[in-house]
PDB file of all heavy atoms in Angstrom:
ATOM      1  N   PHE A   1     -10.145  45.448  12.228  1.00  0.00           N
ATOM      2  CA  PHE A   1     -10.487  45.996  10.910  1.00  0.00           C
ATOM      3  C   PHE A   1     -10.314  44.934   9.833  1.00  0.00           C
ATOM      4  O   PHE A   1     -11.144  44.816   8.919  1.00  0.00           O
ATOM      5  CB  PHE A   1      -9.610  47.205  10.590  1.00  0.00           C
ATOM      6  CG  PHE A   1      -9.817  47.730   9.190  1.00  0.00           C
ATOM      7  CD1 PHE A   1     -10.842  48.610   8.922  1.00  0.00           C
ATOM      8  CD2 PHE A   1      -8.998  47.316   8.139  1.00  0.00           C
ATOM      9  CE1 PHE A   1     -11.061  49.077   7.634  1.00  0.00           C
ATOM     10  CE2 PHE A   1      -9.209  47.776   6.855  1.00  0.00           C
ATOM     11  CZ  PHE A   1     -10.240  48.662   6.604  1.00  0.00           C
ATOM     12  N   ASN A   2      -9.245  44.159   9.928  1.00  0.00           N
ATOM     13  CA  ASN A   2      -8.963  43.125   8.935  1.00  0.00           C
ATOM     14  C   ASN A   2     -10.101  42.107   8.851  1.00  0.00           C
ATOM     15  O   ASN A   2     -10.378  41.576   7.771  1.00  0.00           O
ATOM     16  CB  ASN A   2      -7.654  42.415   9.305  1.00  0.00           C
ATOM     17  CG  ASN A   2      -7.062  41.646   8.160  1.00  0.00           C
ATOM     18  OD1 ASN A   2      -6.741  42.212   7.117  1.00  0.00           O
ATOM     19  ND2 ASN A   2      -6.925  40.336   8.327  1.00  0.00           N
ATOM     20  N   ALA A   3     -10.765  41.853   9.983  1.00  0.00           N
ATOM     21  CA  ALA A   3     -11.896  40.921   9.994  1.00  0.00           C
ATOM     22  C   ALA A   3     -13.183  41.590   9.509  1.00  0.00           C
ATOM     23  O   ALA A   3     -13.917  41.037   8.687  1.00  0.00           O
ATOM     24  CB  ALA A   3     -12.090  40.355  11.401  1.00  0.00           C
ATOM     25  N   LEU A   4     -13.459  42.794  10.012  1.00  0.00           N
ATOM     26  CA  LEU A   4     -14.720  43.451   9.701  1.00  0.00           C
ATOM     27  C   LEU A   4     -14.839  43.843   8.235  1.00  0.00           C
ATOM     28  O   LEU A   4     -15.941  43.860   7.677  1.00  0.00           O
ATOM     29  CB  LEU A   4     -14.896  44.694  10.579  1.00  0.00           C
ATOM     30  CG  LEU A   4     -15.109  44.443  12.075  1.00  0.00           C
ATOM     31  CD1 LEU A   4     -15.270  45.764  12.818  1.00  0.00           C
ATOM     32  CD2 LEU A   4     -16.328  43.556  12.306  1.00  0.00           C
ATOM     33  N   VAL A   5     -13.694  44.167   7.601  1.00  0.00           N
ATOM     34  CA  VAL A   5     -13.766  44.598   6.208  1.00  0.00           C
ATOM     35  C   VAL A   5     -14.283  43.474   5.309  1.00  0.00           C
ATOM     36  O   VAL A   5     -14.890  43.721   4.264  1.00  0.00           O
ATOM     37  CB  VAL A   5     -12.385  45.110   5.728  1.00  0.00           C
ATOM     38  CG1 VAL A   5     -11.415  43.956   5.499  1.00  0.00           C
ATOM     39  CG2 VAL A   5     -12.535  45.931   4.446  1.00  0.00           C
ATOM     40  N   ILE A   6     -14.079  42.220   5.716  1.00  0.00           N
ATOM     41  CA  ILE A   6     -14.598  41.088   4.935  1.00  0.00           C
ATOM     42  C   ILE A   6     -16.122  41.122   4.931  1.00  0.00           C
ATOM     43  O   ILE A   6     -16.767  40.994   3.885  1.00  0.00           O
ATOM     44  CB  ILE A   6     -14.076  39.755   5.507  1.00  0.00           C
ATOM     45  CG1 ILE A   6     -12.558  39.674   5.372  1.00  0.00           C
ATOM     46  CG2 ILE A   6     -14.745  38.569   4.809  1.00  0.00           C
ATOM     47  CD1 ILE A   6     -11.949  38.474   6.077  1.00  0.00           C
ATOM     48  N   ILE A   7     -16.708  41.306   6.128  1.00  0.00           N
ATOM     49  CA  ILE A   7     -18.164  41.372   6.238  1.00  0.00           C
ATOM     50  C   ILE A   7     -18.716  42.539   5.427  1.00  0.00           C
ATOM     51  O   ILE A   7     -19.727  42.419   4.738  1.00  0.00           O
ATOM     52  CB  ILE A   7     -18.581  41.503   7.716  1.00  0.00           C
ATOM     53  CG1 ILE A   7     -18.377  40.175   8.444  1.00  0.00           C
ATOM     54  CG2 ILE A   7     -20.038  41.927   7.845  1.00  0.00           C
ATOM     55  CD1 ILE A   7     -19.323  39.080   8.002  1.00  0.00           C
ATOM     56  N   VAL A   8     -18.039  43.686   5.517  1.00  0.00           N
ATOM     57  CA  VAL A   8     -18.505  44.879   4.813  1.00  0.00           C
ATOM     58  C   VAL A   8     -18.512  44.663   3.301  1.00  0.00           C
ATOM     59  O   VAL A   8     -19.397  45.165   2.589  1.00  0.00           O
ATOM     60  CB  VAL A   8     -17.621  46.089   5.186  1.00  0.00           C
ATOM     61  CG1 VAL A   8     -17.954  47.293   4.316  1.00  0.00           C
ATOM     62  CG2 VAL A   8     -17.791  46.435   6.658  1.00  0.00           C
ATOM     63  N   LEU A   9     -17.546  43.890   2.779  1.00  0.00           N
ATOM     64  CA  LEU A   9     -17.410  43.715   1.334  1.00  0.00           C
ATOM     65  C   LEU A   9     -18.200  42.535   0.782  1.00  0.00           C
ATOM     66  O   LEU A   9     -18.244  42.355  -0.437  1.00  0.00           O
ATOM     67  CB  LEU A   9     -15.928  43.551   0.970  1.00  0.00           C
ATOM     68  CG  LEU A   9     -15.054  44.790   1.143  1.00  0.00           C
ATOM     69  CD1 LEU A   9     -13.608  44.470   0.834  1.00  0.00           C
ATOM     70  CD2 LEU A   9     -15.548  45.929   0.247  1.00  0.00           C
ATOM     71  N   ILE A  10     -18.806  41.720   1.648  1.00  0.00           N
ATOM     72  CA  ILE A  10     -19.582  40.575   1.150  1.00  0.00           C
ATOM     73  C   ILE A  10     -20.700  41.020   0.191  1.00  0.00           C
ATOM     74  O   ILE A  10     -20.849  40.436  -0.893  1.00  0.00           O
ATOM     75  CB  ILE A  10     -20.157  39.742   2.319  1.00  0.00           C
ATOM     76  CG1 ILE A  10     -19.036  38.933   2.978  1.00  0.00           C
ATOM     77  CG2 ILE A  10     -21.248  38.792   1.819  1.00  0.00           C
ATOM     78  CD1 ILE A  10     -19.493  38.119   4.186  1.00  0.00           C
ATOM     79  N   PRO A  11     -21.508  42.051   0.512  1.00  0.00           N
ATOM     80  CA  PRO A  11     -22.552  42.459  -0.443  1.00  0.00           C
ATOM     81  C   PRO A  11     -21.985  42.846  -1.806  1.00  0.00           C
ATOM     82  O   PRO A  11     -22.578  42.509  -2.836  1.00  0.00           O
ATOM     83  CB  PRO A  11     -23.206  43.667   0.257  1.00  0.00           C
ATOM     84  CG  PRO A  11     -22.940  43.458   1.706  1.00  0.00           C
ATOM     85  CD  PRO A  11     -21.584  42.827   1.769  1.00  0.00           C
ATOM     86  N   LEU A  12     -20.837  43.536  -1.827  1.00  0.00           N
ATOM     87  CA  LEU A  12     -20.236  43.932  -3.096  1.00  0.00           C
ATOM     88  C   LEU A  12     -19.748  42.714  -3.871  1.00  0.00           C
ATOM     89  O   LEU A  12     -19.902  42.633  -5.095  1.00  0.00           O
ATOM     90  CB  LEU A  12     -19.080  44.906  -2.853  1.00  0.00           C
ATOM     91  CG  LEU A  12     -18.391  45.452  -4.105  1.00  0.00           C
ATOM     92  CD1 LEU A  12     -19.377  46.222  -4.968  1.00  0.00           C
ATOM     93  CD2 LEU A  12     -17.219  46.346  -3.718  1.00  0.00           C
ATOM     94  N   ALA A  13     -19.170  41.742  -3.166  1.00  0.00           N
ATOM     95  CA  ALA A  13     -18.691  40.527  -3.829  1.00  0.00           C
ATOM     96  C   ALA A  13     -19.851  39.752  -4.441  1.00  0.00           C
ATOM     97  O   ALA A  13     -19.722  39.177  -5.529  1.00  0.00           O
ATOM     98  CB  ALA A  13     -17.933  39.647  -2.834  1.00  0.00           C
ATOM     99  N   LEU A  14     -21.000  39.724  -3.770  1.00  0.00           N
ATOM    100  CA  LEU A  14     -22.157  38.984  -4.276  1.00  0.00           C
ATOM    101  C   LEU A  14     -22.867  39.736  -5.386  1.00  0.00           C
ATOM    102  O   LEU A  14     -23.276  39.144  -6.390  1.00  0.00           O
ATOM    103  CB  LEU A  14     -23.138  38.700  -3.137  1.00  0.00           C
ATOM    104  CG  LEU A  14     -22.618  37.851  -1.973  1.00  0.00           C
ATOM    105  CD1 LEU A  14     -23.718  37.640  -0.951  1.00  0.00           C
ATOM    106  CD2 LEU A  14     -22.083  36.518  -2.465  1.00  0.00           C
ATOM    107  N   ARG A  15     -23.028  41.028  -5.211  1.00  0.00           N
ATOM    108  CA  ARG A  15     -23.736  41.831  -6.204  1.00  0.00           C
ATOM    109  C   ARG A  15     -22.872  42.096  -7.423  1.00  0.00           C
ATOM    110  O   ARG A  15     -23.352  42.169  -8.558  1.00  0.00           O
ATOM    111  CB  ARG A  15     -24.180  43.148  -5.557  1.00  0.00           C
ATOM    112  CG  ARG A  15     -25.050  44.022  -6.451  1.00  0.00           C
ATOM    113  CD  ARG A  15     -25.482  45.277  -5.720  1.00  0.00           C
ATOM    114  NE  ARG A  15     -24.356  46.125  -5.351  1.00  0.00           N
ATOM    115  CZ  ARG A  15     -23.922  46.316  -4.115  1.00  0.00           C
ATOM    116  NH1 ARG A  15     -24.518  45.707  -3.113  1.00  0.00           N
ATOM    117  NH2 ARG A  15     -22.901  47.095  -3.867  1.00  0.00           N
ATOM    118  N   GLY A  16     -21.571  42.230  -7.198  1.00  0.00           N
ATOM    119  CA  GLY A  16     -20.653  42.553  -8.287  1.00  0.00           C
ATOM    120  C   GLY A  16     -20.485  44.051  -8.437  1.00  0.00           C
ATOM    121  O   GLY A  16     -21.416  44.828  -8.176  1.00  0.00           O
ATOM    122  N   VAL A  17     -19.306  44.450  -8.844  1.00  0.00           N
ATOM    123  CA  VAL A  17     -19.055  45.868  -9.120  1.00  0.00           C
ATOM    124  C   VAL A  17     -19.871  46.276 -10.339  1.00  0.00           C
ATOM    125  O   VAL A  17     -19.900  45.554 -11.346  1.00  0.00           O
ATOM    126  CB  VAL A  17     -17.554  46.106  -9.373  1.00  0.00           C
ATOM    127  CG1 VAL A  17     -17.301  47.544  -9.798  1.00  0.00           C
ATOM    128  CG2 VAL A  17     -16.755  45.773  -8.118  1.00  0.00           C
ATOM    129  N   ARG A  18     -20.533  47.381 -10.248  1.00  0.00           N
ATOM    130  CA  ARG A  18     -21.374  47.830 -11.361  1.00  0.00           C
ATOM    131  C   ARG A  18     -20.532  48.028 -12.612  1.00  0.00           C
ATOM    132  O   ARG A  18     -19.489  48.683 -12.581  1.00  0.00           O
ATOM    133  CB  ARG A  18     -22.081  49.132 -10.996  1.00  0.00           C
ATOM    134  CG  ARG A  18     -23.044  49.612 -12.079  1.00  0.00           C
ATOM    135  CD  ARG A  18     -23.741  50.893 -11.679  1.00  0.00           C
ATOM    136  NE  ARG A  18     -24.630  51.367 -12.729  1.00  0.00           N
ATOM    137  CZ  ARG A  18     -25.290  52.515 -12.676  1.00  0.00           C
ATOM    138  NH1 ARG A  18     -25.170  53.295 -11.611  1.00  0.00           N
ATOM    139  NH2 ARG A  18     -26.077  52.878 -13.678  1.00  0.00           N
ATOM    140  N   TYR A  19     -21.015  47.438 -13.692  1.00  0.00           N
ATOM    141  CA  TYR A  19     -20.266  47.522 -14.947  1.00  0.00           C
ATOM    142  C   TYR A  19     -20.853  48.596 -15.851  1.00  0.00           C
ATOM    143  O   TYR A  19     -22.060  48.617 -16.109  1.00  0.00           O
ATOM    144  CB  TYR A  19     -20.274  46.184 -15.672  1.00  0.00           C
ATOM    145  CG  TYR A  19     -19.652  46.270 -17.043  1.00  0.00           C
ATOM    146  CD1 TYR A  19     -18.291  46.489 -17.186  1.00  0.00           C
ATOM    147  CD2 TYR A  19     -20.427  46.163 -18.189  1.00  0.00           C
ATOM    148  CE1 TYR A  19     -17.719  46.607 -18.432  1.00  0.00           C
ATOM    149  CE2 TYR A  19     -19.867  46.265 -19.441  1.00  0.00           C
ATOM    150  CZ  TYR A  19     -18.511  46.487 -19.559  1.00  0.00           C
ATOM    151  OH  TYR A  19     -17.948  46.606 -20.802  1.00  0.00           O
ATOM    152  N   ARG A  20     -20.003  49.490 -16.324  1.00  0.00           N
ATOM    153  CA  ARG A  20     -20.404  50.501 -17.298  1.00  0.00           C
ATOM    154  C   ARG A  20     -19.560  50.303 -18.550  1.00  0.00           C
ATOM    155  O   ARG A  20     -18.331  50.254 -18.458  1.00  0.00           O
ATOM    156  CB  ARG A  20     -20.172  51.917 -16.757  1.00  0.00           C
ATOM    157  CG  ARG A  20     -20.967  52.262 -15.514  1.00  0.00           C
ATOM    158  CD  ARG A  20     -20.726  53.712 -15.120  1.00  0.00           C
ATOM    159  NE  ARG A  20     -21.426  54.079 -13.894  1.00  0.00           N
ATOM    160  CZ  ARG A  20     -20.912  53.965 -12.685  1.00  0.00           C
ATOM    161  NH1 ARG A  20     -19.679  53.470 -12.531  1.00  0.00           N
ATOM    162  NH2 ARG A  20     -21.602  54.308 -11.614  1.00  0.00           N
ATOM    163  N   PRO A  21     -20.190  50.162 -19.715  1.00  0.00           N
ATOM    164  CA  PRO A  21     -19.413  49.963 -20.944  1.00  0.00           C
ATOM    165  C   PRO A  21     -18.427  51.106 -21.158  1.00  0.00           C
ATOM    166  O   PRO A  21     -18.805  52.280 -21.203  1.00  0.00           O
ATOM    167  CB  PRO A  21     -20.488  49.956 -22.038  1.00  0.00           C
ATOM    168  CG  PRO A  21     -21.737  49.543 -21.334  1.00  0.00           C
ATOM    169  CD  PRO A  21     -21.637  50.138 -19.957  1.00  0.00           C
ATOM    170  N   SER A  22     -17.161  50.777 -21.248  1.00  0.00           N
ATOM    171  CA  SER A  22     -16.113  51.778 -21.467  1.00  0.00           C
ATOM    172  C   SER A  22     -14.841  51.065 -21.882  1.00  0.00           C
ATOM    173  O   SER A  22     -14.763  49.834 -21.860  1.00  0.00           O
ATOM    174  CB  SER A  22     -15.887  52.607 -20.192  1.00  0.00           C
ATOM    175  OG  SER A  22     -15.584  51.762 -19.092  1.00  0.00           O
ATOM    176  N   SER A  23     -13.850  51.839 -22.235  1.00  0.00           N
ATOM    177  CA  SER A  23     -12.588  51.260 -22.692  1.00  0.00           C
ATOM    178  C   SER A  23     -11.807  50.693 -21.512  1.00  0.00           C
ATOM    179  O   SER A  23     -12.078  51.002 -20.346  1.00  0.00           O
ATOM    180  CB  SER A  23     -11.761  52.327 -23.403  1.00  0.00           C
ATOM    181  OG  SER A  23     -11.411  53.357 -22.484  1.00  0.00           O
ATOM    182  N   ALA A  24     -10.800  49.877 -21.848  1.00  0.00           N
ATOM    183  CA  ALA A  24      -9.979  49.257 -20.807  1.00  0.00           C
ATOM    184  C   ALA A  24      -9.236  50.308 -19.987  1.00  0.00           C
ATOM    185  O   ALA A  24      -9.105  50.173 -18.762  1.00  0.00           O
ATOM    186  CB  ALA A  24      -8.991  48.282 -21.446  1.00  0.00           C
ATOM    187  N   SER A  25      -8.751  51.360 -20.648  1.00  0.00           N
ATOM    188  CA  SER A  25      -8.016  52.400 -19.920  1.00  0.00           C
ATOM    189  C   SER A  25      -8.923  53.142 -18.948  1.00  0.00           C
ATOM    190  O   SER A  25      -8.517  53.477 -17.829  1.00  0.00           O
ATOM    191  CB  SER A  25      -7.385  53.387 -20.913  1.00  0.00           C
ATOM    192  OG  SER A  25      -8.383  53.989 -21.725  1.00  0.00           O
ATOM    193  N   THR A  26     -10.185  53.371 -19.352  1.00  0.00           N
ATOM    194  CA  THR A  26     -11.136  54.041 -18.461  1.00  0.00           C
ATOM    195  C   THR A  26     -11.448  53.162 -17.260  1.00  0.00           C
ATOM    196  O   THR A  26     -11.518  53.632 -16.117  1.00  0.00           O
ATOM    197  CB  THR A  26     -12.433  54.377 -19.217  1.00  0.00           C
ATOM    198  OG1 THR A  26     -12.122  55.212 -20.335  1.00  0.00           O
ATOM    199  CG2 THR A  26     -13.417  55.095 -18.309  1.00  0.00           C
ATOM    200  N   LEU A  27     -11.630  51.862 -17.498  1.00  0.00           N
ATOM    201  CA  LEU A  27     -11.893  50.940 -16.406  1.00  0.00           C
ATOM    202  C   LEU A  27     -10.721  50.889 -15.435  1.00  0.00           C
ATOM    203  O   LEU A  27     -10.912  50.837 -14.217  1.00  0.00           O
ATOM    204  CB  LEU A  27     -12.168  49.536 -16.964  1.00  0.00           C
ATOM    205  CG  LEU A  27     -13.529  49.316 -17.622  1.00  0.00           C
ATOM    206  CD1 LEU A  27     -13.590  47.915 -18.240  1.00  0.00           C
ATOM    207  CD2 LEU A  27     -14.659  49.474 -16.614  1.00  0.00           C
ATOM    208  N   LEU A  28      -9.513  50.912 -15.973  1.00  0.00           N
ATOM    209  CA  LEU A  28      -8.325  50.867 -15.117  1.00  0.00           C
ATOM    210  C   LEU A  28      -8.237  52.111 -14.245  1.00  0.00           C
ATOM    211  O   LEU A  28      -7.963  52.024 -13.040  1.00  0.00           O
ATOM    212  CB  LEU A  28      -7.071  50.725 -15.981  1.00  0.00           C
ATOM    213  CG  LEU A  28      -5.745  50.692 -15.221  1.00  0.00           C
ATOM    214  CD1 LEU A  28      -5.702  49.514 -14.262  1.00  0.00           C
ATOM    215  CD2 LEU A  28      -4.569  50.633 -16.200  1.00  0.00           C
ATOM    216  N   ARG A  29      -8.475  53.284 -14.837  1.00  0.00           N
ATOM    217  CA  ARG A  29      -8.430  54.532 -14.060  1.00  0.00           C
ATOM    218  C   ARG A  29      -9.480  54.520 -12.958  1.00  0.00           C
ATOM    219  O   ARG A  29      -9.214  54.907 -11.818  1.00  0.00           O
ATOM    220  CB  ARG A  29      -8.647  55.735 -14.982  1.00  0.00           C
ATOM    221  CG  ARG A  29      -7.452  56.095 -15.840  1.00  0.00           C
ATOM    222  CD  ARG A  29      -7.597  57.502 -16.407  1.00  0.00           C
ATOM    223  NE  ARG A  29      -8.791  57.627 -17.221  1.00  0.00           N
ATOM    224  CZ  ARG A  29      -8.836  57.390 -18.532  1.00  0.00           C
ATOM    225  NH1 ARG A  29      -7.736  56.988 -19.158  1.00  0.00           N
ATOM    226  NH2 ARG A  29      -9.956  57.531 -19.212  1.00  0.00           N
ATOM    227  N   ARG A  30     -10.685  54.053 -13.298  1.00  0.00           N
ATOM    228  CA  ARG A  30     -11.761  53.989 -12.303  1.00  0.00           C
ATOM    229  C   ARG A  30     -11.409  53.009 -11.191  1.00  0.00           C
ATOM    230  O   ARG A  30     -11.640  53.277 -10.007  1.00  0.00           O
ATOM    231  CB  ARG A  30     -13.056  53.569 -13.000  1.00  0.00           C
ATOM    232  CG  ARG A  30     -14.244  53.388 -12.069  1.00  0.00           C
ATOM    233  CD  ARG A  30     -15.514  53.215 -12.887  1.00  0.00           C
ATOM    234  NE  ARG A  30     -16.627  52.795 -12.053  1.00  0.00           N
ATOM    235  CZ  ARG A  30     -17.049  51.549 -11.932  1.00  0.00           C
ATOM    236  NH1 ARG A  30     -16.440  50.590 -12.609  1.00  0.00           N
ATOM    237  NH2 ARG A  30     -18.067  51.246 -11.160  1.00  0.00           N
ATOM    238  N   ASN A  31     -10.815  51.899 -11.564  1.00  0.00           N
ATOM    239  CA  ASN A  31     -10.438  50.888 -10.587  1.00  0.00           C
ATOM    240  C   ASN A  31      -9.398  51.437  -9.611  1.00  0.00           C
ATOM    241  O   ASN A  31      -9.507  51.269  -8.391  1.00  0.00           O
ATOM    242  CB  ASN A  31      -9.899  49.658 -11.318  1.00  0.00           C
ATOM    243  CG  ASN A  31      -9.612  48.508 -10.375  1.00  0.00           C
ATOM    244  OD1 ASN A  31     -10.348  48.264  -9.442  1.00  0.00           O
ATOM    245  ND2 ASN A  31      -8.530  47.804 -10.620  1.00  0.00           N
ATOM    246  N   LEU A  32      -8.388  52.116 -10.154  1.00  0.00           N
ATOM    247  CA  LEU A  32      -7.327  52.654  -9.300  1.00  0.00           C
ATOM    248  C   LEU A  32      -7.833  53.788  -8.418  1.00  0.00           C
ATOM    249  O   LEU A  32      -7.433  53.914  -7.256  1.00  0.00           O
ATOM    250  CB  LEU A  32      -6.167  53.138 -10.167  1.00  0.00           C
ATOM    251  CG  LEU A  32      -5.382  52.048 -10.908  1.00  0.00           C
ATOM    252  CD1 LEU A  32      -4.316  52.669 -11.802  1.00  0.00           C
ATOM    253  CD2 LEU A  32      -4.749  51.072  -9.925  1.00  0.00           C
ATOM    254  N   LEU A  33      -8.721  54.611  -8.970  1.00  0.00           N
ATOM    255  CA  LEU A  33      -9.215  55.759  -8.213  1.00  0.00           C
ATOM    256  C   LEU A  33     -10.128  55.325  -7.074  1.00  0.00           C
ATOM    257  O   LEU A  33      -9.963  55.761  -5.923  1.00  0.00           O
ATOM    258  CB  LEU A  33      -9.966  56.715  -9.140  1.00  0.00           C
ATOM    259  CG  LEU A  33     -10.572  57.967  -8.489  1.00  0.00           C
ATOM    260  CD1 LEU A  33      -9.463  58.837  -7.903  1.00  0.00           C
ATOM    261  CD2 LEU A  33     -11.403  58.753  -9.491  1.00  0.00           C
ATOM    262  N   ILE A  34     -11.090  54.438  -7.381  1.00  0.00           N
ATOM    263  CA  ILE A  34     -12.084  54.060  -6.373  1.00  0.00           C
ATOM    264  C   ILE A  34     -11.541  52.999  -5.426  1.00  0.00           C
ATOM    265  O   ILE A  34     -11.607  53.141  -4.196  1.00  0.00           O
ATOM    266  CB  ILE A  34     -13.372  53.565  -7.053  1.00  0.00           C
ATOM    267  CG1 ILE A  34     -14.006  54.696  -7.869  1.00  0.00           C
ATOM    268  CG2 ILE A  34     -14.362  53.042  -6.006  1.00  0.00           C
ATOM    269  CD1 ILE A  34     -15.238  54.292  -8.639  1.00  0.00           C
ATOM    270  N   TYR A  35     -10.988  51.926  -5.991  1.00  0.00           N
ATOM    271  CA  TYR A  35     -10.597  50.795  -5.150  1.00  0.00           C
ATOM    272  C   TYR A  35      -9.124  50.829  -4.756  1.00  0.00           C
ATOM    273  O   TYR A  35      -8.750  50.218  -3.757  1.00  0.00           O
ATOM    274  CB  TYR A  35     -10.930  49.483  -5.864  1.00  0.00           C
ATOM    275  CG  TYR A  35     -12.407  49.353  -6.108  1.00  0.00           C
ATOM    276  CD1 TYR A  35     -12.957  49.673  -7.353  1.00  0.00           C
ATOM    277  CD2 TYR A  35     -13.259  48.969  -5.094  1.00  0.00           C
ATOM    278  CE1 TYR A  35     -14.322  49.592  -7.568  1.00  0.00           C
ATOM    279  CE2 TYR A  35     -14.630  48.886  -5.298  1.00  0.00           C
ATOM    280  CZ  TYR A  35     -15.149  49.204  -6.540  1.00  0.00           C
ATOM    281  OH  TYR A  35     -16.493  49.136  -6.745  1.00  0.00           O
TER     282      TYR A  35
END
């Protein structure tokens, strides 16, 4: 799993996490909830 998760996350690392304009606190909550 430790190896495969790298391959799975390569598209996200290249594309970037989708950015939605919002406050820092909202971004932090979203970050903790999803990731």
